[in-house]
Amino acid sequence: MLNTGIQAPDFTLPDQAGTMHTLSEYRGRKVILYFYPKDSTSGCTAQACGFAERYPQIQEKGAVVLGVSKDSIKSHAQFAENNSLPFTILSDPELNVIKAYDVWKTKKLYGKESMGVVRTTYLIDEEGMIIQAMDKVKAKDNPQQILEILG
């Protein structure tokens, strides 16, 4: 996980429609950048739907939500459509941004180790600085925690 108080690494990734996005295009707004393991799994769906429910309040506070996983654009499109997600989810199958934000880690499940995305949320300020970094977040609780941090 990256530390707070540093410049967030910029990136260019496609969203669920194939449109390219860069972090720098969101300058002037707070960015909730959250990394999640896999589309359409129970935890990831709960987290995404939690952000979707709170999206109007998040926007009122001058922030946007960007979700990132290694799933394909096609998978993201279906995930966004099935859950009526009003925000952008970005596809990083090459793991470039996932690794730049230090969320590709060894995970243990039922005693078996494998590499994967550790659910992590960054809050980035209007100038592109990381002001909050939360790793191993609980999918269901994370959207409300972030809304409270936004004030």
C-alpha atoms as a PDB file:
ATOM      1  CA  MET A   1       0.000   0.000   0.000  1.00  0.00           C
ATOM      2  CA  LEU A   2       1.215   3.495  -0.793  1.00  0.00           C
ATOM      3  CA  ASN A   3       1.618   6.040   1.977  1.00  0.00           C
ATOM      4  CA  THR A   4      -0.426   9.173   2.469  1.00  0.00           C
ATOM      5  CA  GLY A   5       1.154  12.519   1.671  1.00  0.00           C
ATOM      6  CA  ILE A   6       2.641  11.426  -1.645  1.00  0.00           C
ATOM      7  CA  GLN A   7       1.611  12.167  -5.212  1.00  0.00           C
ATOM      8  CA  ALA A   8      -0.714   9.456  -6.514  1.00  0.00           C
ATOM      9  CA  PRO A   9       0.753   7.668  -9.554  1.00  0.00           C
ATOM     10  CA  ASP A  10      -0.966   8.826 -12.737  1.00  0.00           C
ATOM     11  CA  PHE A  11      -2.372   6.227 -15.095  1.00  0.00           C
ATOM     12  CA  THR A  12      -4.268   5.680 -18.318  1.00  0.00           C
ATOM     13  CA  LEU A  13      -6.838   2.861 -18.304  1.00  0.00           C
ATOM     14  CA  PRO A  14     -10.016   1.993 -20.226  1.00  0.00           C
ATOM     15  CA  ASP A  15     -13.417   2.045 -18.532  1.00  0.00           C
ATOM     16  CA  GLN A  16     -16.348  -0.338 -18.965  1.00  0.00           C
ATOM     17  CA  ALA A  17     -17.181   1.299 -22.335  1.00  0.00           C
ATOM     18  CA  GLY A  18     -13.569   1.267 -23.572  1.00  0.00           C
ATOM     19  CA  THR A  19     -13.082   5.038 -23.029  1.00  0.00           C
ATOM     20  CA  MET A  20      -9.613   5.913 -21.755  1.00  0.00           C
ATOM     21  CA  HIS A  21      -9.242   7.731 -18.420  1.00  0.00           C
ATOM     22  CA  THR A  22      -6.265   9.288 -16.676  1.00  0.00           C
ATOM     23  CA  LEU A  23      -6.040  10.211 -13.025  1.00  0.00           C
ATOM     24  CA  SER A  24      -4.834  13.696 -13.970  1.00  0.00           C
ATOM     25  CA  GLU A  25      -8.124  14.448 -15.777  1.00  0.00           C
ATOM     26  CA  TYR A  26      -9.805  14.467 -12.348  1.00  0.00           C
ATOM     27  CA  ARG A  27      -7.598  17.248 -10.927  1.00  0.00           C
ATOM     28  CA  GLY A  28      -9.716  19.741  -9.028  1.00  0.00           C
ATOM     29  CA  ARG A  29     -11.906  16.970  -7.592  1.00  0.00           C
ATOM     30  CA  LYS A  30     -11.347  14.411  -4.864  1.00  0.00           C
ATOM     31  CA  VAL A  31     -10.992  10.869  -6.212  1.00  0.00           C
ATOM     32  CA  ILE A  32     -12.013   7.708  -4.408  1.00  0.00           C
ATOM     33  CA  LEU A  33      -9.804   5.140  -6.123  1.00  0.00           C
ATOM     34  CA  TYR A  34     -10.687   1.651  -4.991  1.00  0.00           C
ATOM     35  CA  PHE A  35      -9.122  -1.619  -6.036  1.00  0.00           C
ATOM     36  CA  TYR A  36     -11.139  -4.816  -5.859  1.00  0.00           C
ATOM     37  CA  PRO A  37     -10.416  -8.461  -6.721  1.00  0.00           C
ATOM     38  CA  LYS A  38     -13.146  -9.570  -9.158  1.00  0.00           C
ATOM     39  CA  ASP A  39     -16.353  -8.443 -10.839  1.00  0.00           C
ATOM     40  CA  SER A  40     -19.634 -10.080  -9.812  1.00  0.00           C
ATOM     41  CA  THR A  41     -18.375 -11.734  -6.624  1.00  0.00           C
ATOM     42  CA  SER A  42     -20.368 -11.156  -3.441  1.00  0.00           C
ATOM     43  CA  GLY A  43     -17.896  -8.841  -1.691  1.00  0.00           C
ATOM     44  CA  CYS A  44     -17.046  -6.830  -4.774  1.00  0.00           C
ATOM     45  CA  THR A  45     -20.721  -6.450  -5.665  1.00  0.00           C
ATOM     46  CA  ALA A  46     -21.543  -5.303  -2.120  1.00  0.00           C
ATOM     47  CA  GLN A  47     -18.754  -2.707  -2.235  1.00  0.00           C
ATOM     48  CA  ALA A  48     -19.700  -1.424  -5.700  1.00  0.00           C
ATOM     49  CA  CYS A  49     -23.403  -1.223  -4.810  1.00  0.00           C
ATOM     50  CA  GLY A  50     -22.503   0.592  -1.585  1.00  0.00           C
ATOM     51  CA  PHE A  51     -20.627   3.218  -3.592  1.00  0.00           C
ATOM     52  CA  ALA A  52     -23.521   3.375  -6.077  1.00  0.00           C
ATOM     53  CA  GLU A  53     -26.060   4.015  -3.276  1.00  0.00           C
ATOM     54  CA  ARG A  54     -23.920   6.815  -1.855  1.00  0.00           C
ATOM     55  CA  TYR A  55     -22.821   8.274  -5.189  1.00  0.00           C
ATOM     56  CA  PRO A  56     -25.138  11.322  -5.053  1.00  0.00           C
ATOM     57  CA  GLN A  57     -23.731  12.299  -1.614  1.00  0.00           C
ATOM     58  CA  ILE A  58     -20.180  11.593  -2.801  1.00  0.00           C
ATOM     59  CA  GLN A  59     -20.712  13.891  -5.801  1.00  0.00           C
ATOM     60  CA  GLU A  60     -22.172  16.594  -3.520  1.00  0.00           C
ATOM     61  CA  LYS A  61     -18.864  16.508  -1.622  1.00  0.00           C
ATOM     62  CA  GLY A  62     -16.963  17.148  -4.856  1.00  0.00           C
ATOM     63  CA  ALA A  63     -15.640  13.603  -5.280  1.00  0.00           C
ATOM     64  CA  VAL A  64     -15.760  10.900  -7.940  1.00  0.00           C
ATOM     65  CA  VAL A  65     -15.451   7.125  -7.606  1.00  0.00           C
ATOM     66  CA  LEU A  66     -13.119   5.049  -9.769  1.00  0.00           C
ATOM     67  CA  GLY A  67     -13.057   1.283  -9.282  1.00  0.00           C
ATOM     68  CA  VAL A  68     -10.149  -0.781 -10.628  1.00  0.00           C
ATOM     69  CA  SER A  69      -9.712  -4.523 -11.134  1.00  0.00           C
ATOM     70  CA  LYS A  70      -7.869  -6.770 -13.555  1.00  0.00           C
ATOM     71  CA  ASP A  71     -11.125  -7.911 -15.175  1.00  0.00           C
ATOM     72  CA  SER A  72     -11.759  -7.235 -18.862  1.00  0.00           C
ATOM     73  CA  ILE A  73     -13.705  -4.309 -20.312  1.00  0.00           C
ATOM     74  CA  LYS A  74     -16.448  -6.782 -21.281  1.00  0.00           C
ATOM     75  CA  SER A  75     -16.669  -8.134 -17.721  1.00  0.00           C
ATOM     76  CA  HIS A  76     -16.775  -4.571 -16.359  1.00  0.00           C
ATOM     77  CA  ALA A  77     -19.540  -3.598 -18.790  1.00  0.00           C
ATOM     78  CA  GLN A  78     -21.699  -6.497 -17.629  1.00  0.00           C
ATOM     79  CA  PHE A  79     -20.899  -5.840 -13.941  1.00  0.00           C
ATOM     80  CA  ALA A  80     -21.765  -2.136 -14.288  1.00  0.00           C
ATOM     81  CA  GLU A  81     -24.974  -2.876 -16.184  1.00  0.00           C
ATOM     82  CA  ASN A  82     -26.152  -5.655 -13.857  1.00  0.00           C
ATOM     83  CA  ASN A  83     -25.681  -3.432 -10.808  1.00  0.00           C
ATOM     84  CA  SER A  84     -26.628  -0.033 -12.336  1.00  0.00           C
ATOM     85  CA  LEU A  85     -23.261   1.424 -11.344  1.00  0.00           C
ATOM     86  CA  PRO A  86     -23.243   5.215 -11.913  1.00  0.00           C
ATOM     87  CA  PHE A  87     -19.465   5.527 -11.679  1.00  0.00           C
ATOM     88  CA  THR A  88     -16.434   4.487 -13.706  1.00  0.00           C
ATOM     89  CA  ILE A  89     -14.743   1.127 -13.347  1.00  0.00           C
ATOM     90  CA  LEU A  90     -11.369   0.684 -14.981  1.00  0.00           C
ATOM     91  CA  SER A  91      -9.803  -2.403 -16.515  1.00  0.00           C
ATOM     92  CA  ASP A  92      -6.152  -3.204 -15.708  1.00  0.00           C
ATOM     93  CA  PRO A  93      -5.506  -6.738 -17.031  1.00  0.00           C
ATOM     94  CA  GLU A  94      -1.750  -6.070 -17.340  1.00  0.00           C
ATOM     95  CA  LEU A  95      -1.668  -5.104 -13.621  1.00  0.00           C
ATOM     96  CA  ASN A  96       0.314  -1.909 -14.335  1.00  0.00           C
ATOM     97  CA  VAL A  97      -1.774   0.372 -12.129  1.00  0.00           C
ATOM     98  CA  ILE A  98      -2.569  -2.376  -9.619  1.00  0.00           C
ATOM     99  CA  LYS A  99       1.168  -2.851  -9.076  1.00  0.00           C
ATOM    100  CA  ALA A 100       1.905   0.908  -9.112  1.00  0.00           C
ATOM    101  CA  TYR A 101      -0.532   1.296  -6.198  1.00  0.00           C
ATOM    102  CA  ASP A 102       1.027  -1.718  -4.427  1.00  0.00           C
ATOM    103  CA  VAL A 103      -2.170  -3.760  -4.128  1.00  0.00           C
ATOM    104  CA  TRP A 104      -0.962  -6.946  -5.912  1.00  0.00           C
ATOM    105  CA  LYS A 105      -0.045  -9.199  -2.997  1.00  0.00           C
ATOM    106  CA  THR A 106       0.245 -12.767  -1.829  1.00  0.00           C
ATOM    107  CA  LYS A 107      -3.114 -13.848  -0.439  1.00  0.00           C
ATOM    108  CA  LYS A 108      -3.944 -16.923   1.584  1.00  0.00           C
ATOM    109  CA  LEU A 109      -7.251 -18.748   1.211  1.00  0.00           C
ATOM    110  CA  TYR A 110      -7.872 -22.072   2.934  1.00  0.00           C
ATOM    111  CA  GLY A 111      -4.137 -22.436   3.485  1.00  0.00           C
ATOM    112  CA  LYS A 112      -3.337 -21.974  -0.214  1.00  0.00           C
ATOM    113  CA  GLU A 113      -1.253 -18.983  -1.301  1.00  0.00           C
ATOM    114  CA  SER A 114      -1.841 -17.102  -4.541  1.00  0.00           C
ATOM    115  CA  MET A 115      -1.288 -13.630  -5.940  1.00  0.00           C
ATOM    116  CA  GLY A 116      -4.224 -11.265  -6.149  1.00  0.00           C
ATOM    117  CA  VAL A 117      -5.611  -7.797  -5.552  1.00  0.00           C
ATOM    118  CA  VAL A 118      -5.932  -6.844  -1.890  1.00  0.00           C
ATOM    119  CA  ARG A 119      -9.087  -4.758  -1.496  1.00  0.00           C
ATOM    120  CA  THR A 120      -7.675  -1.251  -0.995  1.00  0.00           C
ATOM    121  CA  THR A 121      -9.154   2.247  -1.165  1.00  0.00           C
ATOM    122  CA  TYR A 122      -7.266   5.490  -1.695  1.00  0.00           C
ATOM    123  CA  LEU A 123      -8.684   8.971  -1.242  1.00  0.00           C
ATOM    124  CA  ILE A 124      -6.835  11.420  -3.473  1.00  0.00           C
ATOM    125  CA  ASP A 125      -7.197  15.184  -3.052  1.00  0.00           C
ATOM    126  CA  GLU A 126      -7.804  17.851  -5.702  1.00  0.00           C
ATOM    127  CA  GLU A 127      -4.049  18.199  -6.368  1.00  0.00           C
ATOM    128  CA  GLY A 128      -3.480  14.464  -6.807  1.00  0.00           C
ATOM    129  CA  MET A 129      -2.025  13.753  -3.353  1.00  0.00           C
ATOM    130  CA  ILE A 130      -2.983  10.600  -1.441  1.00  0.00           C
ATOM    131  CA  ILE A 131      -4.721  11.813   1.728  1.00  0.00           C
ATOM    132  CA  GLN A 132      -6.157   8.483   2.923  1.00  0.00           C
ATOM    133  CA  ALA A 133      -5.040   4.902   2.296  1.00  0.00           C
ATOM    134  CA  MET A 134      -7.036   1.935   3.564  1.00  0.00           C
ATOM    135  CA  ASP A 135      -6.005  -1.670   2.921  1.00  0.00           C
ATOM    136  CA  LYS A 136      -7.804  -4.932   3.662  1.00  0.00           C
ATOM    137  CA  VAL A 137     -11.056  -2.974   3.833  1.00  0.00           C
ATOM    138  CA  LYS A 138     -14.372  -4.671   4.513  1.00  0.00           C
ATOM    139  CA  ALA A 139     -16.333  -4.511   1.267  1.00  0.00           C
ATOM    140  CA  LYS A 140     -19.699  -3.796   2.879  1.00  0.00           C
ATOM    141  CA  ASP A 141     -18.404  -1.067   5.249  1.00  0.00           C
ATOM    142  CA  ASN A 142     -15.952   0.755   2.987  1.00  0.00           C
ATOM    143  CA  PRO A 143     -18.367   3.032   1.060  1.00  0.00           C
ATOM    144  CA  GLN A 144     -19.861   4.431   4.296  1.00  0.00           C
ATOM    145  CA  GLN A 145     -16.389   4.870   5.838  1.00  0.00           C
ATOM    146  CA  ILE A 146     -15.269   6.901   2.832  1.00  0.00           C
ATOM    147  CA  LEU A 147     -18.426   9.024   2.867  1.00  0.00           C
ATOM    148  CA  GLU A 148     -17.771   9.833   6.549  1.00  0.00           C
ATOM    149  CA  ILE A 149     -14.137  10.726   5.814  1.00  0.00           C
ATOM    150  CA  LEU A 150     -15.315  13.098   3.081  1.00  0.00           C
ATOM    151  CA  GLY A 151     -17.317  14.859   5.816  1.00  0.00           C
END
